[in-house]
Amino acid sequence: MAKVVDAARVTTPSNTVWRTCIGCSQTKPMTADIDRCDDCEDAADQEALREHALSGWEHVNRYAGAIGRIEAWAVLIPNVTDSERIASIRDVLATLNAGDDKAVS
């Protein structure tokens, strides 16, 4: 006598098994090396791309802020000595290279 499990195997593509997707918790046919269904995989890829793009904009904003501060100390702030200008520019560059957790504005 045929079983429900056998019928499910017939309706799935080869090398797939009905498993629960870790993204949406729905049961779908997936191969052994995949944990997410196609819909959840696309959503995860889009989220990773969005995070990567946001990280890129954070870097752009940090560098733009540093350039503005360097320009201010180099040209726009009057009545300071050259040593004060260079020290302030070095501080800006040190803050820029300190890491992603510090913002320059």
PDB file of N, CA and C in Angstrom:
ATOM      1  N   MET A   1       0.841  -1.180   0.000  1.00  0.00           N
ATOM      2  CA  MET A   1       0.000   0.000   0.000  1.00  0.00           C
ATOM      3  C   MET A   1       0.888   1.246   0.000  1.00  0.00           C
ATOM      4  N   ALA A   2       0.521   2.223  -0.786  1.00  0.00           N
ATOM      5  CA  ALA A   2       1.293   3.472  -0.899  1.00  0.00           C
ATOM      6  C   ALA A   2       1.095   4.313   0.363  1.00  0.00           C
ATOM      7  N   LYS A   3       2.156   5.017   0.711  1.00  0.00           N
ATOM      8  CA  LYS A   3       2.114   5.880   1.898  1.00  0.00           C
ATOM      9  C   LYS A   3       2.175   7.333   1.459  1.00  0.00           C
ATOM     10  N   VAL A   4       1.780   8.213   2.334  1.00  0.00           N
ATOM     11  CA  VAL A   4       1.806   9.645   2.045  1.00  0.00           C
ATOM     12  C   VAL A   4       3.238  10.108   1.797  1.00  0.00           C
ATOM     13  N   VAL A   5       4.179   9.565   2.534  1.00  0.00           N
ATOM     14  CA  VAL A   5       5.581   9.934   2.367  1.00  0.00           C
ATOM     15  C   VAL A   5       6.058   9.592   0.964  1.00  0.00           C
ATOM     16  N   ASP A   6       5.661   8.430   0.450  1.00  0.00           N
ATOM     17  CA  ASP A   6       6.038   8.052  -0.905  1.00  0.00           C
ATOM     18  C   ASP A   6       5.435   8.996  -1.936  1.00  0.00           C
ATOM     19  N   ALA A   7       4.217   9.437  -1.725  1.00  0.00           N
ATOM     20  CA  ALA A   7       3.583  10.373  -2.650  1.00  0.00           C
ATOM     21  C   ALA A   7       4.316  11.711  -2.635  1.00  0.00           C
ATOM     22  N   ALA A   8       4.768  12.147  -1.483  1.00  0.00           N
ATOM     23  CA  ALA A   8       5.501  13.410  -1.394  1.00  0.00           C
ATOM     24  C   ALA A   8       6.830  13.305  -2.117  1.00  0.00           C
ATOM     25  N   ARG A   9       7.476  12.174  -2.023  1.00  0.00           N
ATOM     26  CA  ARG A   9       8.752  12.013  -2.711  1.00  0.00           C
ATOM     27  C   ARG A   9       8.572  12.043  -4.218  1.00  0.00           C
ATOM     28  N   VAL A  10       7.477  11.551  -4.704  1.00  0.00           N
ATOM     29  CA  VAL A  10       7.225  11.553  -6.135  1.00  0.00           C
ATOM     30  C   VAL A  10       7.003  12.977  -6.634  1.00  0.00           C
ATOM     31  N   THR A  11       6.411  13.830  -5.821  1.00  0.00           N
ATOM     32  CA  THR A  11       6.077  15.180  -6.271  1.00  0.00           C
ATOM     33  C   THR A  11       7.230  16.162  -6.114  1.00  0.00           C
ATOM     34  N   THR A  12       8.304  15.768  -5.472  1.00  0.00           N
ATOM     35  CA  THR A  12       9.438  16.682  -5.297  1.00  0.00           C
ATOM     36  C   THR A  12      10.506  16.395  -6.332  1.00  0.00           C
ATOM     37  N   PRO A  13      11.320  17.412  -6.674  1.00  0.00           N
ATOM     38  CA  PRO A  13      12.445  17.178  -7.582  1.00  0.00           C
ATOM     39  C   PRO A  13      13.440  16.199  -6.959  1.00  0.00           C
ATOM     40  N   SER A  14      14.299  15.656  -7.775  1.00  0.00           N
ATOM     41  CA  SER A  14      15.258  14.670  -7.269  1.00  0.00           C
ATOM     42  C   SER A  14      16.198  15.304  -6.253  1.00  0.00           C
ATOM     43  N   ASN A  15      16.642  14.504  -5.328  1.00  0.00           N
ATOM     44  CA  ASN A  15      17.572  14.898  -4.266  1.00  0.00           C
ATOM     45  C   ASN A  15      17.004  15.944  -3.308  1.00  0.00           C
ATOM     46  N   THR A  16      15.691  16.047  -3.217  1.00  0.00           N
ATOM     47  CA  THR A  16      15.101  16.974  -2.254  1.00  0.00           C
ATOM     48  C   THR A  16      14.246  16.200  -1.266  1.00  0.00           C
ATOM     49  N   VAL A  17      14.112  16.780  -0.094  1.00  0.00           N
ATOM     50  CA  VAL A  17      13.287  16.198   0.960  1.00  0.00           C
ATOM     51  C   VAL A  17      12.447  17.321   1.539  1.00  0.00           C
ATOM     52  N   TRP A  18      11.239  16.988   1.932  1.00  0.00           N
ATOM     53  CA  TRP A  18      10.391  17.990   2.560  1.00  0.00           C
ATOM     54  C   TRP A  18      10.957  18.290   3.932  1.00  0.00           C
ATOM     55  N   ARG A  19      11.413  19.551   4.098  1.00  0.00           N
ATOM     56  CA  ARG A  19      11.977  19.982   5.383  1.00  0.00           C
ATOM     57  C   ARG A  19      11.415  21.351   5.740  1.00  0.00           C
ATOM     58  N   THR A  20      11.595  21.725   6.991  1.00  0.00           N
ATOM     59  CA  THR A  20      11.120  23.014   7.472  1.00  0.00           C
ATOM     60  C   THR A  20      12.183  24.074   7.201  1.00  0.00           C
ATOM     61  N   CYS A  21      11.760  25.154   6.574  1.00  0.00           N
ATOM     62  CA  CYS A  21      12.641  26.281   6.287  1.00  0.00           C
ATOM     63  C   CYS A  21      12.918  27.035   7.580  1.00  0.00           C
ATOM     64  N   ILE A  22      14.181  27.391   7.825  1.00  0.00           N
ATOM     65  CA  ILE A  22      14.512  28.117   9.056  1.00  0.00           C
ATOM     66  C   ILE A  22      14.115  29.586   8.970  1.00  0.00           C
ATOM     67  N   GLY A  23      13.791  30.076   7.790  1.00  0.00           N
ATOM     68  CA  GLY A  23      13.406  31.473   7.634  1.00  0.00           C
ATOM     69  C   GLY A  23      11.924  31.704   7.861  1.00  0.00           C
ATOM     70  N   CYS A  24      11.083  30.878   7.255  1.00  0.00           N
ATOM     71  CA  CYS A  24       9.638  31.104   7.334  1.00  0.00           C
ATOM     72  C   CYS A  24       8.890  29.985   8.057  1.00  0.00           C
ATOM     73  N   SER A  25       9.574  28.928   8.454  1.00  0.00           N
ATOM     74  CA  SER A  25       9.006  27.785   9.195  1.00  0.00           C
ATOM     75  C   SER A  25       7.959  27.020   8.399  1.00  0.00           C
ATOM     76  N   GLN A  26       7.990  27.131   7.078  1.00  0.00           N
ATOM     77  CA  GLN A  26       7.081  26.357   6.247  1.00  0.00           C
ATOM     78  C   GLN A  26       7.807  25.120   5.735  1.00  0.00           C
ATOM     79  N   THR A  27       7.077  24.073   5.505  1.00  0.00           N
ATOM     80  CA  THR A  27       7.656  22.836   4.994  1.00  0.00           C
ATOM     81  C   THR A  27       7.693  22.905   3.475  1.00  0.00           C
ATOM     82  N   LYS A  28       8.908  22.768   2.928  1.00  0.00           N
ATOM     83  CA  LYS A  28       9.097  22.849   1.478  1.00  0.00           C
ATOM     84  C   LYS A  28      10.156  21.842   1.059  1.00  0.00           C
ATOM     85  N   PRO A  29      10.159  21.434  -0.229  1.00  0.00           N
ATOM     86  CA  PRO A  29      11.202  20.507  -0.679  1.00  0.00           C
ATOM     87  C   PRO A  29      12.545  21.226  -0.836  1.00  0.00           C
ATOM     88  N   MET A  30      13.563  20.735  -0.110  1.00  0.00           N
ATOM     89  CA  MET A  30      14.891  21.344  -0.152  1.00  0.00           C
ATOM     90  C   MET A  30      15.946  20.247  -0.163  1.00  0.00           C
ATOM     91  N   THR A  31      17.073  20.548  -0.767  1.00  0.00           N
ATOM     92  CA  THR A  31      18.184  19.607  -0.750  1.00  0.00           C
ATOM     93  C   THR A  31      18.843  19.619   0.625  1.00  0.00           C
ATOM     94  N   ALA A  32      19.722  18.676   0.863  1.00  0.00           N
ATOM     95  CA  ALA A  32      20.319  18.511   2.184  1.00  0.00           C
ATOM     96  C   ALA A  32      21.213  19.688   2.581  1.00  0.00           C
ATOM     97  N   ASP A  33      21.831  20.389   1.623  1.00  0.00           N
ATOM     98  CA  ASP A  33      22.762  21.463   1.950  1.00  0.00           C
ATOM     99  C   ASP A  33      22.105  22.842   2.052  1.00  0.00           C
ATOM    100  N   ILE A  34      20.787  22.914   1.927  1.00  0.00           N
ATOM    101  CA  ILE A  34      20.079  24.191   1.969  1.00  0.00           C
ATOM    102  C   ILE A  34      19.154  24.211   3.186  1.00  0.00           C
ATOM    103  N   ASP A  35      19.183  25.330   3.938  1.00  0.00           N
ATOM    104  CA  ASP A  35      18.341  25.464   5.130  1.00  0.00           C
ATOM    105  C   ASP A  35      17.163  26.399   4.927  1.00  0.00           C
ATOM    106  N   ARG A  36      17.214  27.216   3.865  1.00  0.00           N
ATOM    107  CA  ARG A  36      16.153  28.192   3.607  1.00  0.00           C
ATOM    108  C   ARG A  36      15.529  27.925   2.243  1.00  0.00           C
ATOM    109  N   CYS A  37      14.243  28.236   2.133  1.00  0.00           N
ATOM    110  CA  CYS A  37      13.567  28.117   0.840  1.00  0.00           C
ATOM    111  C   CYS A  37      14.030  29.259  -0.067  1.00  0.00           C
ATOM    112  N   ASP A  38      13.643  29.204  -1.329  1.00  0.00           N
ATOM    113  CA  ASP A  38      14.076  30.220  -2.297  1.00  0.00           C
ATOM    114  C   ASP A  38      13.607  31.619  -1.909  1.00  0.00           C
ATOM    115  N   ASP A  39      12.371  31.733  -1.410  1.00  0.00           N
ATOM    116  CA  ASP A  39      11.856  33.047  -1.017  1.00  0.00           C
ATOM    117  C   ASP A  39      12.661  33.635   0.137  1.00  0.00           C
ATOM    118  N   CYS A  40      12.951  32.819   1.137  1.00  0.00           N
ATOM    119  CA  CYS A  40      13.711  33.304   2.298  1.00  0.00           C
ATOM    120  C   CYS A  40      15.166  33.569   1.926  1.00  0.00           C
ATOM    121  N   GLU A  41      15.721  32.782   1.041  1.00  0.00           N
ATOM    122  CA  GLU A  41      17.101  32.996   0.601  1.00  0.00           C
ATOM    123  C   GLU A  41      17.236  34.323  -0.129  1.00  0.00           C
ATOM    124  N   ASP A  42      16.247  34.629  -0.985  1.00  0.00           N
ATOM    125  CA  ASP A  42      16.262  35.923  -1.677  1.00  0.00           C
ATOM    126  C   ASP A  42      16.139  37.074  -0.689  1.00  0.00           C
ATOM    127  N   ALA A  43      15.276  36.920   0.303  1.00  0.00           N
ATOM    128  CA  ALA A  43      15.104  37.971   1.312  1.00  0.00           C
ATOM    129  C   ALA A  43      16.378  38.146   2.127  1.00  0.00           C
ATOM    130  N   ALA A  44      17.046  37.037   2.472  1.00  0.00           N
ATOM    131  CA  ALA A  44      18.300  37.116   3.240  1.00  0.00           C
ATOM    132  C   ALA A  44      19.394  37.786   2.405  1.00  0.00           C
ATOM    133  N   ASP A  45      19.440  37.469   1.117  1.00  0.00           N
ATOM    134  CA  ASP A  45      20.428  38.105   0.235  1.00  0.00           C
ATOM    135  C   ASP A  45      20.169  39.603   0.122  1.00  0.00           C
ATOM    136  N   GLN A  46      18.910  39.992  -0.008  1.00  0.00           N
ATOM    137  CA  GLN A  46      18.582  41.411  -0.100  1.00  0.00           C
ATOM    138  C   GLN A  46      18.922  42.142   1.189  1.00  0.00           C
ATOM    139  N   GLU A  47      18.696  41.505   2.336  1.00  0.00           N
ATOM    140  CA  GLU A  47      19.042  42.123   3.615  1.00  0.00           C
ATOM    141  C   GLU A  47      20.554  42.281   3.745  1.00  0.00           C
ATOM    142  N   ALA A  48      21.314  41.277   3.299  1.00  0.00           N
ATOM    143  CA  ALA A  48      22.777  41.378   3.345  1.00  0.00           C
ATOM    144  C   ALA A  48      23.272  42.508   2.441  1.00  0.00           C
ATOM    145  N   LEU A  49      22.681  42.638   1.268  1.00  0.00           N
ATOM    146  CA  LEU A  49      23.057  43.730   0.371  1.00  0.00           C
ATOM    147  C   LEU A  49      22.715  45.092   0.967  1.00  0.00           C
ATOM    148  N   ARG A  50      21.566  45.179   1.617  1.00  0.00           N
ATOM    149  CA  ARG A  50      21.171  46.437   2.248  1.00  0.00           C
ATOM    150  C   ARG A  50      22.130  46.808   3.371  1.00  0.00           C
ATOM    151  N   GLU A  51      22.516  45.840   4.194  1.00  0.00           N
ATOM    152  CA  GLU A  51      23.472  46.092   5.277  1.00  0.00           C
ATOM    153  C   GLU A  51      24.825  46.523   4.711  1.00  0.00           C
ATOM    154  N   HIS A  52      25.242  45.885   3.634  1.00  0.00           N
ATOM    155  CA  HIS A  52      26.512  46.235   3.002  1.00  0.00           C
ATOM    156  C   HIS A  52      26.459  47.661   2.450  1.00  0.00           C
ATOM    157  N   ALA A  53      25.346  48.024   1.835  1.00  0.00           N
ATOM    158  CA  ALA A  53      25.202  49.379   1.296  1.00  0.00           C
ATOM    159  C   ALA A  53      25.195  50.415   2.418  1.00  0.00           C
ATOM    160  N   LEU A  54      24.510  50.116   3.524  1.00  0.00           N
ATOM    161  CA  LEU A  54      24.503  51.048   4.655  1.00  0.00           C
ATOM    162  C   LEU A  54      25.903  51.212   5.232  1.00  0.00           C
ATOM    163  N   SER A  55      26.640  50.128   5.306  1.00  0.00           N
ATOM    164  CA  SER A  55      28.012  50.206   5.799  1.00  0.00           C
ATOM    165  C   SER A  55      28.861  51.079   4.881  1.00  0.00           C
ATOM    166  N   GLY A  56      28.659  50.956   3.581  1.00  0.00           N
ATOM    167  CA  GLY A  56      29.382  51.790   2.627  1.00  0.00           C
ATOM    168  C   GLY A  56      29.071  53.266   2.809  1.00  0.00           C
ATOM    169  N   TRP A  57      27.785  53.578   3.024  1.00  0.00           N
ATOM    170  CA  TRP A  57      27.418  54.987   3.231  1.00  0.00           C
ATOM    171  C   TRP A  57      27.982  55.523   4.539  1.00  0.00           C
ATOM    172  N   GLU A  58      28.087  54.675   5.561  1.00  0.00           N
ATOM    173  CA  GLU A  58      28.694  55.120   6.813  1.00  0.00           C
ATOM    174  C   GLU A  58      30.153  55.512   6.591  1.00  0.00           C
ATOM    175  N   HIS A  59      30.862  54.726   5.797  1.00  0.00           N
ATOM    176  CA  HIS A  59      32.256  55.059   5.478  1.00  0.00           C
ATOM    177  C   HIS A  59      32.350  56.373   4.695  1.00  0.00           C
ATOM    178  N   VAL A  60      31.457  56.540   3.738  1.00  0.00           N
ATOM    179  CA  VAL A  60      31.452  57.774   2.938  1.00  0.00           C
ATOM    180  C   VAL A  60      31.198  58.976   3.833  1.00  0.00           C
ATOM    181  N   ASN A  61      30.240  58.865   4.720  1.00  0.00           N
ATOM    182  CA  ASN A  61      29.929  59.982   5.619  1.00  0.00           C
ATOM    183  C   ASN A  61      31.083  60.285   6.572  1.00  0.00           C
ATOM    184  N   ARG A  62      31.752  59.245   7.053  1.00  0.00           N
ATOM    185  CA  ARG A  62      32.905  59.464   7.934  1.00  0.00           C
ATOM    186  C   ARG A  62      34.014  60.207   7.210  1.00  0.00           C
ATOM    187  N   TYR A  63      34.328  59.767   5.998  1.00  0.00           N
ATOM    188  CA  TYR A  63      35.387  60.431   5.226  1.00  0.00           C
ATOM    189  C   TYR A  63      35.004  61.858   4.847  1.00  0.00           C
ATOM    190  N   ALA A  64      33.751  62.074   4.499  1.00  0.00           N
ATOM    191  CA  ALA A  64      33.310  63.426   4.159  1.00  0.00           C
ATOM    192  C   ALA A  64      33.419  64.346   5.372  1.00  0.00           C
ATOM    193  N   GLY A  65      33.036  63.842   6.544  1.00  0.00           N
ATOM    194  CA  GLY A  65      33.177  64.638   7.760  1.00  0.00           C
ATOM    195  C   GLY A  65      34.628  64.952   8.078  1.00  0.00           C
ATOM    196  N   ALA A  66      35.497  63.965   7.866  1.00  0.00           N
ATOM    197  CA  ALA A  66      36.928  64.183   8.123  1.00  0.00           C
ATOM    198  C   ALA A  66      37.499  65.216   7.159  1.00  0.00           C
ATOM    199  N   ILE A  67      37.113  65.144   5.912  1.00  0.00           N
ATOM    200  CA  ILE A  67      37.604  66.114   4.926  1.00  0.00           C
ATOM    201  C   ILE A  67      37.141  67.518   5.299  1.00  0.00           C
ATOM    202  N   GLY A  68      35.888  67.636   5.738  1.00  0.00           N
ATOM    203  CA  GLY A  68      35.390  68.946   6.157  1.00  0.00           C
ATOM    204  C   GLY A  68      36.156  69.497   7.352  1.00  0.00           C
ATOM    205  N   ARG A  69      36.468  68.645   8.327  1.00  0.00           N
ATOM    206  CA  ARG A  69      37.221  69.110   9.494  1.00  0.00           C
ATOM    207  C   ARG A  69      38.652  69.484   9.124  1.00  0.00           C
ATOM    208  N   ILE A  70      39.257  68.695   8.249  1.00  0.00           N
ATOM    209  CA  ILE A  70      40.627  69.014   7.810  1.00  0.00           C
ATOM    210  C   ILE A  70      40.643  70.350   7.069  1.00  0.00           C
ATOM    211  N   GLU A  71      39.654  70.544   6.183  1.00  0.00           N
ATOM    212  CA  GLU A  71      39.579  71.814   5.459  1.00  0.00           C
ATOM    213  C   GLU A  71      39.391  72.981   6.419  1.00  0.00           C
ATOM    214  N   ALA A  72      38.555  72.786   7.430  1.00  0.00           N
ATOM    215  CA  ALA A  72      38.321  73.861   8.401  1.00  0.00           C
ATOM    216  C   ALA A  72      39.606  74.210   9.132  1.00  0.00           C
ATOM    217  N   TRP A  73      40.337  73.212   9.598  1.00  0.00           N
ATOM    218  CA  TRP A  73      41.575  73.488  10.319  1.00  0.00           C
ATOM    219  C   TRP A  73      42.666  74.008   9.401  1.00  0.00           C
ATOM    220  N   ALA A  74      42.674  73.593   8.158  1.00  0.00           N
ATOM    221  CA  ALA A  74      43.743  74.015   7.246  1.00  0.00           C
ATOM    222  C   ALA A  74      43.520  75.423   6.712  1.00  0.00           C
ATOM    223  N   VAL A  75      42.281  75.826   6.508  1.00  0.00           N
ATOM    224  CA  VAL A  75      42.029  77.085   5.810  1.00  0.00           C
ATOM    225  C   VAL A  75      41.097  78.029   6.578  1.00  0.00           C
ATOM    226  N   LEU A  76      40.024  77.524   7.113  1.00  0.00           N
ATOM    227  CA  LEU A  76      38.932  78.381   7.556  1.00  0.00           C
ATOM    228  C   LEU A  76      39.047  78.919   8.981  1.00  0.00           C
ATOM    229  N   ILE A  77      39.782  78.282   9.860  1.00  0.00           N
ATOM    230  CA  ILE A  77      39.868  78.739  11.244  1.00  0.00           C
ATOM    231  C   ILE A  77      41.042  79.708  11.375  1.00  0.00           C
ATOM    232  N   PRO A  78      40.752  80.967  11.693  1.00  0.00           N
ATOM    233  CA  PRO A  78      41.823  81.972  11.780  1.00  0.00           C
ATOM    234  C   PRO A  78      42.466  81.993  13.175  1.00  0.00           C
ATOM    235  N   ASN A  79      43.592  82.666  13.254  1.00  0.00           N
ATOM    236  CA  ASN A  79      44.280  82.945  14.506  1.00  0.00           C
ATOM    237  C   ASN A  79      44.708  81.693  15.283  1.00  0.00           C
ATOM    238  N   VAL A  80      45.178  80.662  14.582  1.00  0.00           N
ATOM    239  CA  VAL A  80      45.772  79.496  15.242  1.00  0.00           C
ATOM    240  C   VAL A  80      47.145  79.266  14.624  1.00  0.00           C
ATOM    241  N   THR A  81      48.015  78.688  15.400  1.00  0.00           N
ATOM    242  CA  THR A  81      49.365  78.439  14.898  1.00  0.00           C
ATOM    243  C   THR A  81      49.363  77.207  14.005  1.00  0.00           C
ATOM    244  N   ASP A  82      50.433  77.084  13.227  1.00  0.00           N
ATOM    245  CA  ASP A  82      50.555  75.916  12.345  1.00  0.00           C
ATOM    246  C   ASP A  82      50.625  74.622  13.148  1.00  0.00           C
ATOM    247  N   SER A  83      51.277  74.651  14.288  1.00  0.00           N
ATOM    248  CA  SER A  83      51.371  73.439  15.101  1.00  0.00           C
ATOM    249  C   SER A  83      49.992  73.014  15.612  1.00  0.00           C
ATOM    250  N   GLU A  84      49.131  73.990  15.964  1.00  0.00           N
ATOM    251  CA  GLU A  84      47.766  73.655  16.377  1.00  0.00           C
ATOM    252  C   GLU A  84      46.968  73.068  15.204  1.00  0.00           C
ATOM    253  N   ARG A  85      47.172  73.635  14.025  1.00  0.00           N
ATOM    254  CA  ARG A  85      46.490  73.110  12.833  1.00  0.00           C
ATOM    255  C   ARG A  85      46.903  71.668  12.569  1.00  0.00           C
ATOM    256  N   ILE A  86      48.202  71.413  12.588  1.00  0.00           N
ATOM    257  CA  ILE A  86      48.695  70.064  12.296  1.00  0.00           C
ATOM    258  C   ILE A  86      48.239  69.085  13.369  1.00  0.00           C
ATOM    259  N   ALA A  87      48.261  69.498  14.625  1.00  0.00           N
ATOM    260  CA  ALA A  87      47.811  68.620  15.708  1.00  0.00           C
ATOM    261  C   ALA A  87      46.331  68.275  15.545  1.00  0.00           C
ATOM    262  N   SER A  88      45.533  69.252  15.189  1.00  0.00           N
ATOM    263  CA  SER A  88      44.103  69.004  14.998  1.00  0.00           C
ATOM    264  C   SER A  88      43.848  68.109  13.788  1.00  0.00           C
ATOM    265  N   ILE A  89      44.592  68.325  12.720  1.00  0.00           N
ATOM    266  CA  ILE A  89      44.445  67.477  11.534  1.00  0.00           C
ATOM    267  C   ILE A  89      44.867  66.045  11.856  1.00  0.00           C
ATOM    268  N   ARG A  90      45.925  65.886  12.642  1.00  0.00           N
ATOM    269  CA  ARG A  90      46.333  64.536  13.061  1.00  0.00           C
ATOM    270  C   ARG A  90      45.255  63.872  13.911  1.00  0.00           C
ATOM    271  N   ASP A  91      44.600  64.632  14.777  1.00  0.00           N
ATOM    272  CA  ASP A  91      43.502  64.085  15.581  1.00  0.00           C
ATOM    273  C   ASP A  91      42.353  63.601  14.698  1.00  0.00           C
ATOM    274  N   VAL A  92      42.046  64.395  13.678  1.00  0.00           N
ATOM    275  CA  VAL A  92      40.987  64.002  12.746  1.00  0.00           C
ATOM    276  C   VAL A  92      41.360  62.697  12.050  1.00  0.00           C
ATOM    277  N   LEU A  93      42.584  62.602  11.570  1.00  0.00           N
ATOM    278  CA  LEU A  93      43.019  61.392  10.875  1.00  0.00           C
ATOM    279  C   LEU A  93      43.060  60.196  11.817  1.00  0.00           C
ATOM    280  N   ALA A  94      43.462  60.414  13.071  1.00  0.00           N
ATOM    281  CA  ALA A  94      43.472  59.321  14.046  1.00  0.00           C
ATOM    282  C   ALA A  94      42.057  58.830  14.331  1.00  0.00           C
ATOM    283  N   THR A  95      41.109  59.760  14.430  1.00  0.00           N
ATOM    284  CA  THR A  95      39.717  59.393  14.651  1.00  0.00           C
ATOM    285  C   THR A  95      39.162  58.646  13.444  1.00  0.00           C
ATOM    286  N   LEU A  96      39.563  59.060  12.262  1.00  0.00           N
ATOM    287  CA  LEU A  96      39.101  58.408  11.039  1.00  0.00           C
ATOM    288  C   LEU A  96      39.588  56.965  10.980  1.00  0.00           C
ATOM    289  N   ASN A  97      40.816  56.731  11.383  1.00  0.00           N
ATOM    290  CA  ASN A  97      41.381  55.389  11.323  1.00  0.00           C
ATOM    291  C   ASN A  97      41.089  54.559  12.564  1.00  0.00           C
ATOM    292  N   ALA A  98      40.390  55.128  13.544  1.00  0.00           N
ATOM    293  CA  ALA A  98      40.144  54.423  14.799  1.00  0.00           C
ATOM    294  C   ALA A  98      39.215  53.230  14.621  1.00  0.00           C
ATOM    295  N   GLY A  99      38.302  53.292  13.687  1.00  0.00           N
ATOM    296  CA  GLY A  99      37.420  52.158  13.471  1.00  0.00           C
ATOM    297  C   GLY A  99      36.030  52.585  13.096  1.00  0.00           C
ATOM    298  N   ASP A 100      35.180  51.575  12.893  1.00  0.00           N
ATOM    299  CA  ASP A 100      33.821  51.832  12.445  1.00  0.00           C
ATOM    300  C   ASP A 100      32.916  52.320  13.571  1.00  0.00           C
ATOM    301  N   ASP A 101      33.319  52.115  14.814  1.00  0.00           N
ATOM    302  CA  ASP A 101      32.436  52.473  15.905  1.00  0.00           C
ATOM    303  C   ASP A 101      32.472  53.955  16.246  1.00  0.00           C
ATOM    304  N   LYS A 102      33.400  54.701  15.673  1.00  0.00           N
ATOM    305  CA  LYS A 102      33.481  56.132  15.941  1.00  0.00           C
ATOM    306  C   LYS A 102      33.117  56.909  14.683  1.00  0.00           C
ATOM    307  N   ALA A 103      32.243  57.852  14.846  1.00  0.00           N
ATOM    308  CA  ALA A 103      31.840  58.679  13.705  1.00  0.00           C
ATOM    309  C   ALA A 103      32.573  60.007  13.752  1.00  0.00           C
ATOM    310  N   VAL A 104      32.871  60.524  12.595  1.00  0.00           N
ATOM    311  CA  VAL A 104      33.521  61.827  12.485  1.00  0.00           C
ATOM    312  C   VAL A 104      32.498  62.784  11.913  1.00  0.00           C
ATOM    313  N   SER A 105      32.258  63.874  12.615  1.00  0.00           N
ATOM    314  CA  SER A 105      31.311  64.866  12.087  1.00  0.00           C
ATOM    315  C   SER A 105      31.778  66.252  12.421  1.00  0.00           C
TER     316      SER A 105
END
